[in-house]
Amino acid sequence: MVPATACHAHDLDADHPRIDDLARRITGATRERFGQDPLPELDDAAEIPALIQGTVNASQPAWQRLDTLIRAQLHP
């Protein structure tokens, strides 16, 4: 489920400060949910999720930046 705030990110510029805040909140919620356990990984053969993520990222620079920030924060 995509947080309602993330849906509003679609209309923001990629460099808007709310994108950084949203990335931190999503990362925090993910860490809270999984704790110190390893995060679930997609199967290397899972092409459909990668296709969806690529399409979403291509549709709006703010979504691409949000995805990049979240990945960087979850996998430093």
N, C-alpha and C. Protein backbone atom coordinates (compact mmCIF):
# COMPACT_ATOMS: atom_id res chain seq x y z
N MET A 1 0.84 -1.17 0.00
CA MET A 1 0.00 0.00 0.00
C MET A 1 0.88 1.24 0.00
N VAL A 2 0.59 2.18 -0.88
CA VAL A 2 1.35 3.41 -0.98
C VAL A 2 0.76 4.42 0.00
N PRO A 3 1.60 5.00 0.87
CA PRO A 3 1.07 6.01 1.80
C PRO A 3 0.42 7.16 1.03
N ALA A 4 -0.65 7.71 1.58
CA ALA A 4 -1.36 8.80 0.91
C ALA A 4 -0.43 9.96 0.59
N THR A 5 0.52 10.23 1.48
CA THR A 5 1.46 11.31 1.24
C THR A 5 2.30 11.05 0.01
N ALA A 6 2.63 9.79 -0.23
CA ALA A 6 3.43 9.45 -1.41
C ALA A 6 2.68 9.78 -2.69
N CYS A 7 1.39 9.64 -2.67
CA CYS A 7 0.59 9.97 -3.86
C CYS A 7 0.72 11.44 -4.19
N HIS A 8 0.82 12.29 -3.17
CA HIS A 8 0.97 13.72 -3.39
C HIS A 8 2.36 14.06 -3.93
N ALA A 9 3.32 13.18 -3.73
CA ALA A 9 4.68 13.43 -4.21
C ALA A 9 4.72 13.50 -5.73
N HIS A 10 3.78 12.88 -6.37
CA HIS A 10 3.75 12.88 -7.84
C HIS A 10 3.70 14.29 -8.40
N ASP A 11 3.05 15.21 -7.69
CA ASP A 11 2.88 16.57 -8.17
C ASP A 11 4.00 17.52 -7.75
N LEU A 12 4.94 17.04 -6.97
CA LEU A 12 6.02 17.89 -6.49
C LEU A 12 7.20 17.89 -7.45
N ASP A 13 7.98 18.96 -7.40
CA ASP A 13 9.24 18.98 -8.13
C ASP A 13 10.19 17.98 -7.47
N ALA A 14 11.09 17.43 -8.23
CA ALA A 14 12.01 16.42 -7.70
C ALA A 14 12.88 16.94 -6.57
N ASP A 15 13.17 18.24 -6.55
CA ASP A 15 14.04 18.79 -5.51
C ASP A 15 13.26 19.41 -4.34
N HIS A 16 11.96 19.17 -4.29
CA HIS A 16 11.15 19.71 -3.19
C HIS A 16 11.55 19.04 -1.88
N PRO A 17 11.69 19.81 -0.79
CA PRO A 17 12.12 19.24 0.50
C PRO A 17 11.17 18.18 1.05
N ARG A 18 9.90 18.21 0.65
CA ARG A 18 8.97 17.19 1.15
C ARG A 18 9.35 15.80 0.64
N ILE A 19 10.04 15.72 -0.48
CA ILE A 19 10.48 14.42 -1.00
C ILE A 19 11.48 13.80 -0.02
N ASP A 20 12.42 14.60 0.47
CA ASP A 20 13.39 14.10 1.45
C ASP A 20 12.70 13.63 2.73
N ASP A 21 11.75 14.44 3.20
CA ASP A 21 11.01 14.09 4.41
C ASP A 21 10.22 12.81 4.22
N LEU A 22 9.57 12.69 3.09
CA LEU A 22 8.78 11.49 2.81
C LEU A 22 9.67 10.26 2.75
N ALA A 23 10.84 10.38 2.13
CA ALA A 23 11.77 9.25 2.05
C ALA A 23 12.20 8.82 3.45
N ARG A 24 12.50 9.80 4.31
CA ARG A 24 12.89 9.46 5.70
C ARG A 24 11.76 8.76 6.44
N ARG A 25 10.53 9.24 6.24
CA ARG A 25 9.38 8.64 6.92
C ARG A 25 9.11 7.22 6.43
N ILE A 26 9.20 7.00 5.14
CA ILE A 26 8.99 5.66 4.59
C ILE A 26 10.09 4.72 5.07
N THR A 27 11.33 5.20 5.07
CA THR A 27 12.44 4.38 5.55
C THR A 27 12.27 4.06 7.03
N GLY A 28 11.87 5.05 7.81
CA GLY A 28 11.64 4.82 9.24
C GLY A 28 10.54 3.80 9.48
N ALA A 29 9.45 3.90 8.74
CA ALA A 29 8.35 2.94 8.89
C ALA A 29 8.79 1.54 8.48
N THR A 30 9.61 1.46 7.45
CA THR A 30 10.11 0.15 7.01
C THR A 30 11.00 -0.46 8.08
N ARG A 31 11.90 0.34 8.64
CA ARG A 31 12.80 -0.16 9.70
C ARG A 31 12.00 -0.54 10.95
N GLU A 32 10.96 0.23 11.25
CA GLU A 32 10.12 -0.09 12.40
C GLU A 32 9.43 -1.43 12.19
N ARG A 33 8.98 -1.67 10.98
CA ARG A 33 8.27 -2.91 10.69
C ARG A 33 9.19 -4.12 10.73
N PHE A 34 10.39 -3.99 10.15
CA PHE A 34 11.28 -5.14 10.03
C PHE A 34 12.38 -5.18 11.08
N GLY A 35 12.54 -4.11 11.85
CA GLY A 35 13.58 -4.08 12.87
C GLY A 35 14.95 -4.31 12.26
N GLN A 36 15.73 -5.11 12.93
CA GLN A 36 17.08 -5.41 12.46
C GLN A 36 17.12 -6.60 11.51
N ASP A 37 15.96 -7.21 11.29
CA ASP A 37 15.91 -8.34 10.37
C ASP A 37 16.23 -7.88 8.95
N PRO A 38 16.77 -8.78 8.13
CA PRO A 38 17.03 -8.41 6.75
C PRO A 38 15.72 -8.05 6.04
N LEU A 39 15.79 -7.06 5.18
CA LEU A 39 14.61 -6.67 4.42
C LEU A 39 14.30 -7.73 3.37
N PRO A 40 13.04 -7.92 3.06
CA PRO A 40 12.70 -8.88 2.01
C PRO A 40 13.30 -8.42 0.68
N GLU A 41 13.77 -9.36 -0.06
CA GLU A 41 14.35 -9.07 -1.36
C GLU A 41 13.47 -9.68 -2.44
N LEU A 42 13.44 -9.00 -3.58
CA LEU A 42 12.72 -9.56 -4.72
C LEU A 42 13.56 -10.65 -5.36
N ASP A 43 12.90 -11.63 -5.86
CA ASP A 43 13.55 -12.68 -6.62
C ASP A 43 14.18 -12.04 -7.86
N ASP A 44 15.38 -12.46 -8.23
CA ASP A 44 16.03 -11.90 -9.42
C ASP A 44 15.17 -12.06 -10.67
N ALA A 45 14.30 -13.03 -10.68
CA ALA A 45 13.44 -13.26 -11.84
C ALA A 45 12.16 -12.43 -11.78
N ALA A 46 12.02 -11.60 -10.77
CA ALA A 46 10.80 -10.80 -10.61
C ALA A 46 10.86 -9.58 -11.53
N GLU A 47 10.55 -9.79 -12.78
CA GLU A 47 10.64 -8.72 -13.77
C GLU A 47 9.47 -7.74 -13.66
N ILE A 48 8.30 -8.22 -13.27
CA ILE A 48 7.13 -7.36 -13.23
C ILE A 48 7.29 -6.22 -12.22
N PRO A 49 7.72 -6.48 -10.97
CA PRO A 49 7.92 -5.35 -10.05
C PRO A 49 8.95 -4.34 -10.58
N ALA A 50 10.00 -4.83 -11.20
CA ALA A 50 11.01 -3.91 -11.76
C ALA A 50 10.42 -3.09 -12.91
N LEU A 51 9.59 -3.71 -13.72
CA LEU A 51 8.95 -3.00 -14.82
C LEU A 51 8.01 -1.91 -14.28
N ILE A 52 7.24 -2.26 -13.26
CA ILE A 52 6.32 -1.29 -12.65
C ILE A 52 7.11 -0.13 -12.05
N GLN A 53 8.16 -0.44 -11.29
CA GLN A 53 8.95 0.62 -10.66
C GLN A 53 9.59 1.51 -11.72
N GLY A 54 10.10 0.92 -12.78
CA GLY A 54 10.70 1.71 -13.86
C GLY A 54 9.69 2.61 -14.53
N THR A 55 8.47 2.12 -14.72
CA THR A 55 7.42 2.92 -15.35
C THR A 55 7.01 4.07 -14.44
N VAL A 56 6.85 3.79 -13.16
CA VAL A 56 6.50 4.84 -12.19
C VAL A 56 7.60 5.90 -12.15
N ASN A 57 8.84 5.46 -12.06
CA ASN A 57 9.95 6.41 -12.00
C ASN A 57 10.03 7.27 -13.26
N ALA A 58 9.74 6.68 -14.41
CA ALA A 58 9.79 7.42 -15.67
C ALA A 58 8.65 8.43 -15.77
N SER A 59 7.57 8.19 -15.04
CA SER A 59 6.40 9.06 -15.16
C SER A 59 6.59 10.41 -14.46
N GLN A 60 7.48 10.47 -13.48
CA GLN A 60 7.62 11.70 -12.71
C GLN A 60 8.96 11.72 -12.00
N PRO A 61 9.77 12.74 -12.22
CA PRO A 61 11.08 12.82 -11.56
C PRO A 61 11.00 12.76 -10.03
N ALA A 62 9.94 13.27 -9.43
CA ALA A 62 9.82 13.22 -7.97
C ALA A 62 9.74 11.78 -7.47
N TRP A 63 9.01 10.93 -8.19
CA TRP A 63 8.93 9.52 -7.81
C TRP A 63 10.28 8.85 -7.96
N GLN A 64 11.01 9.20 -9.02
CA GLN A 64 12.34 8.60 -9.22
C GLN A 64 13.27 9.00 -8.07
N ARG A 65 13.23 10.27 -7.71
CA ARG A 65 14.08 10.73 -6.61
C ARG A 65 13.68 10.07 -5.29
N LEU A 66 12.38 9.94 -5.05
CA LEU A 66 11.89 9.28 -3.84
C LEU A 66 12.41 7.84 -3.79
N ASP A 67 12.31 7.13 -4.89
CA ASP A 67 12.79 5.75 -4.97
C ASP A 67 14.29 5.69 -4.69
N THR A 68 15.04 6.60 -5.29
CA THR A 68 16.50 6.63 -5.10
C THR A 68 16.86 6.90 -3.64
N LEU A 69 16.18 7.87 -3.03
CA LEU A 69 16.47 8.19 -1.62
C LEU A 69 16.14 7.03 -0.70
N ILE A 70 15.01 6.41 -0.91
CA ILE A 70 14.60 5.28 -0.06
C ILE A 70 15.61 4.14 -0.18
N ARG A 71 15.98 3.80 -1.41
CA ARG A 71 16.96 2.72 -1.61
C ARG A 71 18.29 3.05 -0.95
N ALA A 72 18.73 4.30 -1.06
CA ALA A 72 20.02 4.69 -0.46
C ALA A 72 19.94 4.63 1.07
N GLN A 73 18.80 4.99 1.64
CA GLN A 73 18.67 4.96 3.10
C GLN A 73 18.51 3.55 3.64
N LEU A 74 17.89 2.68 2.87
CA LEU A 74 17.69 1.29 3.33
C LEU A 74 18.92 0.42 3.09
N HIS A 75 19.70 0.78 2.10
CA HIS A 75 20.90 -0.02 1.75
C HIS A 75 22.11 0.90 1.64
N PRO A 76 22.56 1.44 2.80
CA PRO A 76 23.69 2.40 2.76
C PRO A 76 24.99 1.75 2.35
